[in-house]
């Protein structure tokens, strides 16, 4: 089985901000992740990536903020989307962004 694209979407949130979501189902996990999904979710504001969730080979599931990188516990693609959306909303509240 080849990688199967599940979601590829870019959505404008404001004139200066957008969300990009890319999720694939892969034949084997991206080590050290144990699930069969490869993903990249990013929130871009003023041409700057302020939030990103991804799983890259060698690092596994993790999230980036403007100042830090931390492990992320992946459960399902739906939960990933929900967690990311909540993080975007929190960032907007904390940074007074619409």
PDB file of N, CA and C in Angstrom:
ATOM      1  N   UNK A   1       0.838  -1.179   0.000  1.00  0.00           N
ATOM      2  CA  UNK A   1       0.000   0.000   0.000  1.00  0.00           C
ATOM      3  C   UNK A   1       0.882   1.242   0.000  1.00  0.00           C
ATOM      4  N   UNK A   2       0.566   2.181  -0.842  1.00  0.00           N
ATOM      5  CA  UNK A   2       1.254   3.466  -0.854  1.00  0.00           C
ATOM      6  C   UNK A   2       0.600   4.372   0.175  1.00  0.00           C
ATOM      7  N   UNK A   3       1.246   5.488   0.475  1.00  0.00           N
ATOM      8  CA  UNK A   3       0.646   6.490   1.356  1.00  0.00           C
ATOM      9  C   UNK A   3      -0.645   6.984   0.714  1.00  0.00           C
ATOM     10  N   UNK A   4      -1.696   7.071   1.524  1.00  0.00           N
ATOM     11  CA  UNK A   4      -3.013   7.487   1.052  1.00  0.00           C
ATOM     12  C   UNK A   4      -3.344   8.859   1.641  1.00  0.00           C
ATOM     13  N   UNK A   5      -3.445   9.891   0.800  1.00  0.00           N
ATOM     14  CA  UNK A   5      -3.783  11.207   1.347  1.00  0.00           C
ATOM     15  C   UNK A   5      -5.217  11.204   1.872  1.00  0.00           C
ATOM     16  N   UNK A   6      -5.383  11.645   3.123  1.00  0.00           N
ATOM     17  CA  UNK A   6      -6.715  11.699   3.737  1.00  0.00           C
ATOM     18  C   UNK A   6      -7.254  13.125   3.777  1.00  0.00           C
ATOM     19  N   UNK A   7      -6.388  14.079   4.109  1.00  0.00           N
ATOM     20  CA  UNK A   7      -6.799  15.481   4.194  1.00  0.00           C
ATOM     21  C   UNK A   7      -5.667  16.339   3.654  1.00  0.00           C
ATOM     22  N   UNK A   8      -6.026  17.289   2.835  1.00  0.00           N
ATOM     23  CA  UNK A   8      -5.074  18.322   2.390  1.00  0.00           C
ATOM     24  C   UNK A   8      -5.906  19.580   2.220  1.00  0.00           C
ATOM     25  N   UNK A   9      -5.744  20.502   3.174  1.00  0.00           N
ATOM     26  CA  UNK A   9      -6.633  21.661   3.192  1.00  0.00           C
ATOM     27  C   UNK A   9      -5.888  22.874   3.724  1.00  0.00           C
ATOM     28  N   UNK A  10      -6.172  24.007   3.110  1.00  0.00           N
ATOM     29  CA  UNK A  10      -5.674  25.301   3.590  1.00  0.00           C
ATOM     30  C   UNK A  10      -6.895  26.193   3.744  1.00  0.00           C
ATOM     31  N   UNK A  11      -7.071  26.755   4.951  1.00  0.00           N
ATOM     32  CA  UNK A  11      -8.255  27.556   5.250  1.00  0.00           C
ATOM     33  C   UNK A  11      -7.813  28.909   5.787  1.00  0.00           C
ATOM     34  N   UNK A  12      -8.299  29.976   5.156  1.00  0.00           N
ATOM     35  CA  UNK A  12      -8.029  31.322   5.658  1.00  0.00           C
ATOM     36  C   UNK A  12      -8.831  31.532   6.934  1.00  0.00           C
ATOM     37  N   UNK A  13      -8.156  31.996   7.972  1.00  0.00           N
ATOM     38  CA  UNK A  13      -8.787  32.279   9.253  1.00  0.00           C
ATOM     39  C   UNK A  13      -9.041  33.774   9.378  1.00  0.00           C
ATOM     40  N   UNK A  14      -8.143  34.562   8.841  1.00  0.00           N
ATOM     41  CA  UNK A  14      -8.241  36.016   8.829  1.00  0.00           C
ATOM     42  C   UNK A  14      -7.419  36.494   7.629  1.00  0.00           C
ATOM     43  N   UNK A  15      -7.430  37.780   7.390  1.00  0.00           N
ATOM     44  CA  UNK A  15      -6.681  38.324   6.250  1.00  0.00           C
ATOM     45  C   UNK A  15      -5.194  38.008   6.356  1.00  0.00           C
ATOM     46  N   UNK A  16      -4.706  37.866   7.577  1.00  0.00           N
ATOM     47  CA  UNK A  16      -3.276  37.639   7.796  1.00  0.00           C
ATOM     48  C   UNK A  16      -2.962  36.266   8.388  1.00  0.00           C
ATOM     49  N   UNK A  17      -3.935  35.330   8.344  1.00  0.00           N
ATOM     50  CA  UNK A  17      -3.717  34.031   9.002  1.00  0.00           C
ATOM     51  C   UNK A  17      -4.428  32.902   8.261  1.00  0.00           C
ATOM     52  N   UNK A  18      -3.775  31.729   8.251  1.00  0.00           N
ATOM     53  CA  UNK A  18      -4.417  30.543   7.677  1.00  0.00           C
ATOM     54  C   UNK A  18      -3.953  29.297   8.418  1.00  0.00           C
ATOM     55  N   UNK A  19      -4.754  28.250   8.267  1.00  0.00           N
ATOM     56  CA  UNK A  19      -4.443  26.929   8.811  1.00  0.00           C
ATOM     57  C   UNK A  19      -4.189  26.005   7.637  1.00  0.00           C
ATOM     58  N   UNK A  20      -3.155  25.188   7.725  1.00  0.00           N
ATOM     59  CA  UNK A  20      -2.906  24.162   6.719  1.00  0.00           C
ATOM     60  C   UNK A  20      -2.885  22.810   7.415  1.00  0.00           C
ATOM     61  N   UNK A  21      -3.653  21.873   6.869  1.00  0.00           N
ATOM     62  CA  UNK A  21      -3.758  20.530   7.442  1.00  0.00           C
ATOM     63  C   UNK A  21      -3.447  19.511   6.348  1.00  0.00           C
ATOM     64  N   UNK A  22      -2.496  18.626   6.634  1.00  0.00           N
ATOM     65  CA  UNK A  22      -2.138  17.542   5.717  1.00  0.00           C
ATOM     66  C   UNK A  22      -2.028  16.268   6.550  1.00  0.00           C
ATOM     67  N   UNK A  23      -2.825  15.249   6.176  1.00  0.00           N
ATOM     68  CA  UNK A  23      -2.782  13.962   6.882  1.00  0.00           C
ATOM     69  C   UNK A  23      -2.788  12.846   5.844  1.00  0.00           C
ATOM     70  N   UNK A  24      -1.864  11.898   5.984  1.00  0.00           N
ATOM     71  CA  UNK A  24      -1.792  10.719   5.138  1.00  0.00           C
ATOM     72  C   UNK A  24      -1.950   9.477   6.014  1.00  0.00           C
ATOM     73  N   UNK A  25      -2.486   8.433   5.436  1.00  0.00           N
ATOM     74  CA  UNK A  25      -2.400   7.106   6.058  1.00  0.00           C
ATOM     75  C   UNK A  25      -1.229   6.418   5.364  1.00  0.00           C
ATOM     76  N   UNK A  26      -0.303   5.893   6.160  1.00  0.00           N
ATOM     77  CA  UNK A  26       0.913   5.303   5.609  1.00  0.00           C
ATOM     78  C   UNK A  26       0.941   3.797   5.885  1.00  0.00           C
ATOM     79  N   UNK A  27       1.645   3.036   5.050  1.00  0.00           N
ATOM     80  CA  UNK A  27       1.653   1.576   5.209  1.00  0.00           C
ATOM     81  C   UNK A  27       2.358   1.100   6.487  1.00  0.00           C
ATOM     82  N   UNK A  28       3.365   1.840   6.910  1.00  0.00           N
ATOM     83  CA  UNK A  28       4.060   1.497   8.164  1.00  0.00           C
ATOM     84  C   UNK A  28       4.239   2.783   8.969  1.00  0.00           C
ATOM     85  N   UNK A  29       4.257   2.696  10.288  1.00  0.00           N
ATOM     86  CA  UNK A  29       4.415   3.894  11.113  1.00  0.00           C
ATOM     87  C   UNK A  29       5.704   4.646  10.806  1.00  0.00           C
ATOM     88  N   UNK A  30       5.659   5.963  10.992  1.00  0.00           N
ATOM     89  CA  UNK A  30       6.833   6.817  10.859  1.00  0.00           C
ATOM     90  C   UNK A  30       7.549   6.760  12.203  1.00  0.00           C
ATOM     91  N   UNK A  31       8.631   6.023  12.278  1.00  0.00           N
ATOM     92  CA  UNK A  31       9.349   5.768  13.526  1.00  0.00           C
ATOM     93  C   UNK A  31       9.778   7.073  14.198  1.00  0.00           C
ATOM     94  N   UNK A  32       9.604   7.221  15.479  1.00  0.00           N
ATOM     95  CA  UNK A  32       9.175   6.258  16.471  1.00  0.00           C
ATOM     96  C   UNK A  32       7.670   6.225  16.751  1.00  0.00           C
ATOM     97  N   UNK A  33       6.847   6.891  15.944  1.00  0.00           N
ATOM     98  CA  UNK A  33       5.392   6.804  16.126  1.00  0.00           C
ATOM     99  C   UNK A  33       4.948   5.358  15.937  1.00  0.00           C
ATOM    100  N   UNK A  34       3.859   4.983  16.577  1.00  0.00           N
ATOM    101  CA  UNK A  34       3.361   3.608  16.485  1.00  0.00           C
ATOM    102  C   UNK A  34       2.096   3.495  15.635  1.00  0.00           C
ATOM    103  N   UNK A  35       1.544   4.597  15.201  1.00  0.00           N
ATOM    104  CA  UNK A  35       0.313   4.611  14.401  1.00  0.00           C
ATOM    105  C   UNK A  35       0.656   4.775  12.917  1.00  0.00           C
ATOM    106  N   UNK A  36      -0.335   4.553  12.059  1.00  0.00           N
ATOM    107  CA  UNK A  36      -0.100   4.590  10.610  1.00  0.00           C
ATOM    108  C   UNK A  36      -0.587   5.891   9.978  1.00  0.00           C
ATOM    109  N   UNK A  37      -0.241   7.010  10.606  1.00  0.00           N
ATOM    110  CA  UNK A  37      -0.593   8.315  10.052  1.00  0.00           C
ATOM    111  C   UNK A  37       0.639   9.203  10.032  1.00  0.00           C
ATOM    112  N   UNK A  38       0.767   9.967   8.967  1.00  0.00           N
ATOM    113  CA  UNK A  38       1.795  11.002   8.833  1.00  0.00           C
ATOM    114  C   UNK A  38       1.035  12.305   8.708  1.00  0.00           C
ATOM    115  N   UNK A  39       1.418  13.318   9.498  1.00  0.00           N
ATOM    116  CA  UNK A  39       0.627  14.541   9.491  1.00  0.00           C
ATOM    117  C   UNK A  39       1.480  15.787   9.700  1.00  0.00           C
ATOM    118  N   UNK A  40       0.875  16.901   9.265  1.00  0.00           N
ATOM    119  CA  UNK A  40       1.445  18.225   9.478  1.00  0.00           C
ATOM    120  C   UNK A  40       0.272  19.199   9.560  1.00  0.00           C
ATOM    121  N   UNK A  41       0.114  19.836  10.702  1.00  0.00           N
ATOM    122  CA  UNK A  41      -0.923  20.842  10.887  1.00  0.00           C
ATOM    123  C   UNK A  41      -0.219  22.117  11.319  1.00  0.00           C
ATOM    124  N   UNK A  42      -0.467  23.210  10.625  1.00  0.00           N
ATOM    125  CA  UNK A  42       0.245  24.451  10.922  1.00  0.00           C
ATOM    126  C   UNK A  42      -0.722  25.620  10.963  1.00  0.00           C
ATOM    127  N   UNK A  43      -0.446  26.550  11.858  1.00  0.00           N
ATOM    128  CA  UNK A  43      -1.178  27.807  11.936  1.00  0.00           C
ATOM    129  C   UNK A  43      -0.181  28.913  11.637  1.00  0.00           C
ATOM    130  N   UNK A  44      -0.439  29.667  10.566  1.00  0.00           N
ATOM    131  CA  UNK A  44       0.461  30.697  10.084  1.00  0.00           C
ATOM    132  C   UNK A  44      -0.202  32.058  10.286  1.00  0.00           C
ATOM    133  N   UNK A  45       0.492  32.951  10.963  1.00  0.00           N
ATOM    134  CA  UNK A  45       0.002  34.311  11.198  1.00  0.00           C
ATOM    135  C   UNK A  45       1.103  35.279  10.782  1.00  0.00           C
ATOM    136  N   UNK A  46       0.744  36.260   9.953  1.00  0.00           N
ATOM    137  CA  UNK A  46       1.735  37.238   9.471  1.00  0.00           C
ATOM    138  C   UNK A  46       2.970  36.550   8.894  1.00  0.00           C
ATOM    139  N   UNK A  47       2.748  35.515   8.081  1.00  0.00           N
ATOM    140  CA  UNK A  47       3.831  34.759   7.431  1.00  0.00           C
ATOM    141  C   UNK A  47       4.771  34.061   8.413  1.00  0.00           C
ATOM    142  N   UNK A  48       4.297  33.803   9.640  1.00  0.00           N
ATOM    143  CA  UNK A  48       5.080  33.146  10.683  1.00  0.00           C
ATOM    144  C   UNK A  48       4.314  31.935  11.191  1.00  0.00           C
ATOM    145  N   UNK A  49       4.962  30.801  11.290  1.00  0.00           N
ATOM    146  CA  UNK A  49       4.323  29.603  11.839  1.00  0.00           C
ATOM    147  C   UNK A  49       4.312  29.743  13.361  1.00  0.00           C
ATOM    148  N   UNK A  50       3.099  29.923  13.932  1.00  0.00           N
ATOM    149  CA  UNK A  50       2.999  30.121  15.376  1.00  0.00           C
ATOM    150  C   UNK A  50       2.639  28.832  16.102  1.00  0.00           C
ATOM    151  N   UNK A  51       2.055  27.860  15.392  1.00  0.00           N
ATOM    152  CA  UNK A  51       1.749  26.541  15.948  1.00  0.00           C
ATOM    153  C   UNK A  51       1.942  25.490  14.873  1.00  0.00           C
ATOM    154  N   UNK A  52       2.477  24.334  15.258  1.00  0.00           N
ATOM    155  CA  UNK A  52       2.592  23.226  14.301  1.00  0.00           C
ATOM    156  C   UNK A  52       2.570  21.911  15.063  1.00  0.00           C
ATOM    157  N   UNK A  53       1.800  20.985  14.553  1.00  0.00           N
ATOM    158  CA  UNK A  53       1.786  19.606  15.044  1.00  0.00           C
ATOM    159  C   UNK A  53       2.304  18.761  13.896  1.00  0.00           C
ATOM    160  N   UNK A  54       3.246  17.865  14.172  1.00  0.00           N
ATOM    161  CA  UNK A  54       3.723  16.980  13.123  1.00  0.00           C
ATOM    162  C   UNK A  54       4.397  15.760  13.729  1.00  0.00           C
ATOM    163  N   UNK A  55       4.683  14.811  12.869  1.00  0.00           N
ATOM    164  CA  UNK A  55       5.456  13.629  13.280  1.00  0.00           C
ATOM    165  C   UNK A  55       6.470  13.344  12.184  1.00  0.00           C
ATOM    166  N   UNK A  56       7.694  13.609  12.504  1.00  0.00           N
ATOM    167  CA  UNK A  56       8.753  13.364  11.540  1.00  0.00           C
ATOM    168  C   UNK A  56       9.610  12.201  12.006  1.00  0.00           C
ATOM    169  N   UNK A  57      10.187  11.524  11.039  1.00  0.00           N
ATOM    170  CA  UNK A  57      11.044  10.368  11.334  1.00  0.00           C
ATOM    171  C   UNK A  57      12.133  10.775  12.331  1.00  0.00           C
ATOM    172  N   UNK A  58      12.278   9.966  13.364  1.00  0.00           N
ATOM    173  CA  UNK A  58      13.292  10.223  14.369  1.00  0.00           C
ATOM    174  C   UNK A  58      12.802  11.057  15.547  1.00  0.00           C
ATOM    175  N   UNK A  59      11.758  11.847  15.358  1.00  0.00           N
ATOM    176  CA  UNK A  59      11.233  12.687  16.432  1.00  0.00           C
ATOM    177  C   UNK A  59       9.888  12.183  16.943  1.00  0.00           C
ATOM    178  N   UNK A  60       9.102  11.580  16.092  1.00  0.00           N
ATOM    179  CA  UNK A  60       7.779  11.121  16.488  1.00  0.00           C
ATOM    180  C   UNK A  60       6.795  12.274  16.606  1.00  0.00           C
ATOM    181  N   UNK A  61       5.707  12.009  17.314  1.00  0.00           N
ATOM    182  CA  UNK A  61       4.617  12.975  17.451  1.00  0.00           C
ATOM    183  C   UNK A  61       5.036  14.115  18.379  1.00  0.00           C
ATOM    184  N   UNK A  62       4.876  15.353  17.896  1.00  0.00           N
ATOM    185  CA  UNK A  62       5.224  16.500  18.720  1.00  0.00           C
ATOM    186  C   UNK A  62       4.510  17.748  18.208  1.00  0.00           C
ATOM    187  N   UNK A  63       4.539  18.788  19.040  1.00  0.00           N
ATOM    188  CA  UNK A  63       3.946  20.069  18.662  1.00  0.00           C
ATOM    189  C   UNK A  63       4.966  21.168  18.887  1.00  0.00           C
ATOM    190  N   UNK A  64       4.885  22.191  18.044  1.00  0.00           N
ATOM    191  CA  UNK A  64       5.754  23.349  18.153  1.00  0.00           C
ATOM    192  C   UNK A  64       4.897  24.564  18.479  1.00  0.00           C
ATOM    193  N   UNK A  65       5.387  25.400  19.359  1.00  0.00           N
ATOM    194  CA  UNK A  65       4.817  26.730  19.536  1.00  0.00           C
ATOM    195  C   UNK A  65       5.892  27.707  19.085  1.00  0.00           C
ATOM    196  N   UNK A  66       5.653  28.969  19.270  1.00  0.00           N
ATOM    197  CA  UNK A  66       6.662  29.951  18.849  1.00  0.00           C
ATOM    198  C   UNK A  66       7.962  29.804  19.632  1.00  0.00           C
ATOM    199  N   UNK A  67       7.869  29.296  20.849  1.00  0.00           N
ATOM    200  CA  UNK A  67       9.050  29.276  21.711  1.00  0.00           C
ATOM    201  C   UNK A  67       9.511  27.896  22.145  1.00  0.00           C
ATOM    202  N   UNK A  68       8.717  26.852  21.860  1.00  0.00           N
ATOM    203  CA  UNK A  68       9.074  25.536  22.401  1.00  0.00           C
ATOM    204  C   UNK A  68       8.594  24.408  21.495  1.00  0.00           C
ATOM    205  N   UNK A  69       9.164  23.242  21.741  1.00  0.00           N
ATOM    206  CA  UNK A  69       8.738  22.004  21.098  1.00  0.00           C
ATOM    207  C   UNK A  69       8.466  21.011  22.221  1.00  0.00           C
ATOM    208  N   UNK A  70       7.346  20.273  22.117  1.00  0.00           N
ATOM    209  CA  UNK A  70       6.984  19.332  23.181  1.00  0.00           C
ATOM    210  C   UNK A  70       6.378  18.075  22.560  1.00  0.00           C
ATOM    211  N   UNK A  71       6.505  16.942  23.224  1.00  0.00           N
ATOM    212  CA  UNK A  71       5.873  15.718  22.725  1.00  0.00           C
ATOM    213  C   UNK A  71       4.357  15.890  22.659  1.00  0.00           C
ATOM    214  N   UNK A  72       3.735  15.167  21.734  1.00  0.00           N
ATOM    215  CA  UNK A  72       2.284  15.161  21.592  1.00  0.00           C
ATOM    216  C   UNK A  72       1.835  13.707  21.629  1.00  0.00           C
ATOM    217  N   UNK A  73       0.781  13.412  22.381  1.00  0.00           N
ATOM    218  CA  UNK A  73       0.251  12.051  22.457  1.00  0.00           C
ATOM    219  C   UNK A  73      -0.838  11.909  21.396  1.00  0.00           C
ATOM    220  N   UNK A  74      -0.515  11.227  20.308  1.00  0.00           N
ATOM    221  CA  UNK A  74      -1.461  11.015  19.214  1.00  0.00           C
ATOM    222  C   UNK A  74      -2.405   9.868  19.591  1.00  0.00           C
ATOM    223  N   UNK A  75      -3.721  10.121  19.457  1.00  0.00           N
ATOM    224  CA  UNK A  75      -4.711   9.071  19.700  1.00  0.00           C
ATOM    225  C   UNK A  75      -5.437   8.683  18.413  1.00  0.00           C
ATOM    226  N   UNK A  76      -6.024   9.668  17.739  1.00  0.00           N
ATOM    227  CA  UNK A  76      -6.729   9.450  16.471  1.00  0.00           C
ATOM    228  C   UNK A  76      -6.613  10.718  15.627  1.00  0.00           C
ATOM    229  N   UNK A  77      -6.858  10.620  14.322  1.00  0.00           N
ATOM    230  CA  UNK A  77      -6.866  11.840  13.507  1.00  0.00           C
ATOM    231  C   UNK A  77      -7.919  12.847  13.984  1.00  0.00           C
ATOM    232  N   UNK A  78      -9.091  12.378  14.390  1.00  0.00           N
ATOM    233  CA  UNK A  78     -10.126  13.294  14.881  1.00  0.00           C
ATOM    234  C   UNK A  78      -9.667  14.025  16.137  1.00  0.00           C
ATOM    235  N   UNK A  79      -9.033  13.317  17.042  1.00  0.00           N
ATOM    236  CA  UNK A  79      -8.536  13.943  18.271  1.00  0.00           C
ATOM    237  C   UNK A  79      -7.414  14.927  17.944  1.00  0.00           C
ATOM    238  N   UNK A  80      -6.551  14.578  16.997  1.00  0.00           N
ATOM    239  CA  UNK A  80      -5.489  15.471  16.545  1.00  0.00           C
ATOM    240  C   UNK A  80      -6.087  16.797  16.069  1.00  0.00           C
ATOM    241  N   UNK A  81      -7.096  16.724  15.211  1.00  0.00           N
ATOM    242  CA  UNK A  81      -7.762  17.925  14.696  1.00  0.00           C
ATOM    243  C   UNK A  81      -8.371  18.736  15.830  1.00  0.00           C
ATOM    244  N   UNK A  82      -9.033  18.068  16.747  1.00  0.00           N
ATOM    245  CA  UNK A  82      -9.668  18.742  17.877  1.00  0.00           C
ATOM    246  C   UNK A  82      -8.643  19.450  18.755  1.00  0.00           C
ATOM    247  N   UNK A  83      -7.550  18.767  19.070  1.00  0.00           N
ATOM    248  CA  UNK A  83      -6.497  19.364  19.890  1.00  0.00           C
ATOM    249  C   UNK A  83      -5.874  20.572  19.190  1.00  0.00           C
ATOM    250  N   UNK A  84      -5.638  20.443  17.889  1.00  0.00           N
ATOM    251  CA  UNK A  84      -5.048  21.540  17.123  1.00  0.00           C
ATOM    252  C   UNK A  84      -5.993  22.740  17.085  1.00  0.00           C
ATOM    253  N   UNK A  85      -7.272  22.494  16.811  1.00  0.00           N
ATOM    254  CA  UNK A  85      -8.255  23.585  16.773  1.00  0.00           C
ATOM    255  C   UNK A  85      -8.342  24.299  18.122  1.00  0.00           C
ATOM    256  N   UNK A  86      -8.295  23.547  19.210  1.00  0.00           N
ATOM    257  CA  UNK A  86      -8.324  24.152  20.552  1.00  0.00           C
ATOM    258  C   UNK A  86      -7.067  24.990  20.779  1.00  0.00           C
ATOM    259  N   UNK A  87      -5.932  24.512  20.307  1.00  0.00           N
ATOM    260  CA  UNK A  87      -4.677  25.243  20.449  1.00  0.00           C
ATOM    261  C   UNK A  87      -4.698  26.546  19.640  1.00  0.00           C
ATOM    262  N   UNK A  88      -5.260  26.502  18.439  1.00  0.00           N
ATOM    263  CA  UNK A  88      -5.394  27.708  17.611  1.00  0.00           C
ATOM    264  C   UNK A  88      -6.292  28.722  18.324  1.00  0.00           C
ATOM    265  N   UNK A  89      -7.424  28.272  18.844  1.00  0.00           N
ATOM    266  CA  UNK A  89      -8.341  29.164  19.558  1.00  0.00           C
ATOM    267  C   UNK A  89      -7.651  29.785  20.775  1.00  0.00           C
ATOM    268  N   UNK A  90      -6.903  28.963  21.517  1.00  0.00           N
ATOM    269  CA  UNK A  90      -6.180  29.472  22.688  1.00  0.00           C
ATOM    270  C   UNK A  90      -5.148  30.514  22.268  1.00  0.00           C
ATOM    271  N   UNK A  91      -4.391  30.223  21.210  1.00  0.00           N
ATOM    272  CA  UNK A  91      -3.390  31.165  20.732  1.00  0.00           C
ATOM    273  C   UNK A  91      -4.051  32.495  20.347  1.00  0.00           C
ATOM    274  N   UNK A  92      -5.178  32.421  19.654  1.00  0.00           N
ATOM    275  CA  UNK A  92      -5.889  33.633  19.254  1.00  0.00           C
ATOM    276  C   UNK A  92      -6.344  34.444  20.467  1.00  0.00           C
ATOM    277  N   UNK A  93      -6.878  33.764  21.483  1.00  0.00           N
ATOM    278  CA  UNK A  93      -7.289  34.458  22.703  1.00  0.00           C
ATOM    279  C   UNK A  93      -6.106  35.129  23.390  1.00  0.00           C
ATOM    280  N   UNK A  94      -5.043  34.384  23.560  1.00  0.00           N
ATOM    281  CA  UNK A  94      -3.876  34.888  24.271  1.00  0.00           C
ATOM    282  C   UNK A  94      -3.167  36.021  23.521  1.00  0.00           C
ATOM    283  N   UNK A  95      -3.287  36.023  22.209  1.00  0.00           N
ATOM    284  CA  UNK A  95      -2.610  37.016  21.389  1.00  0.00           C
ATOM    285  C   UNK A  95      -3.566  38.057  20.794  1.00  0.00           C
ATOM    286  N   UNK A  96      -4.791  38.023  21.266  1.00  0.00           N
ATOM    287  CA  UNK A  96      -5.827  38.983  20.817  1.00  0.00           C
ATOM    288  C   UNK A  96      -5.903  39.049  19.295  1.00  0.00           C
ATOM    289  N   UNK A  97      -5.954  37.880  18.706  1.00  0.00           N
ATOM    290  CA  UNK A  97      -6.040  37.762  17.245  1.00  0.00           C
ATOM    291  C   UNK A  97      -7.412  37.217  16.900  1.00  0.00           C
ATOM    292  N   UNK A  98      -8.019  37.728  15.846  1.00  0.00           N
ATOM    293  CA  UNK A  98      -9.365  37.267  15.497  1.00  0.00           C
ATOM    294  C   UNK A  98      -9.378  36.084  14.574  1.00  0.00           C
TER     295      UNK A  98
END
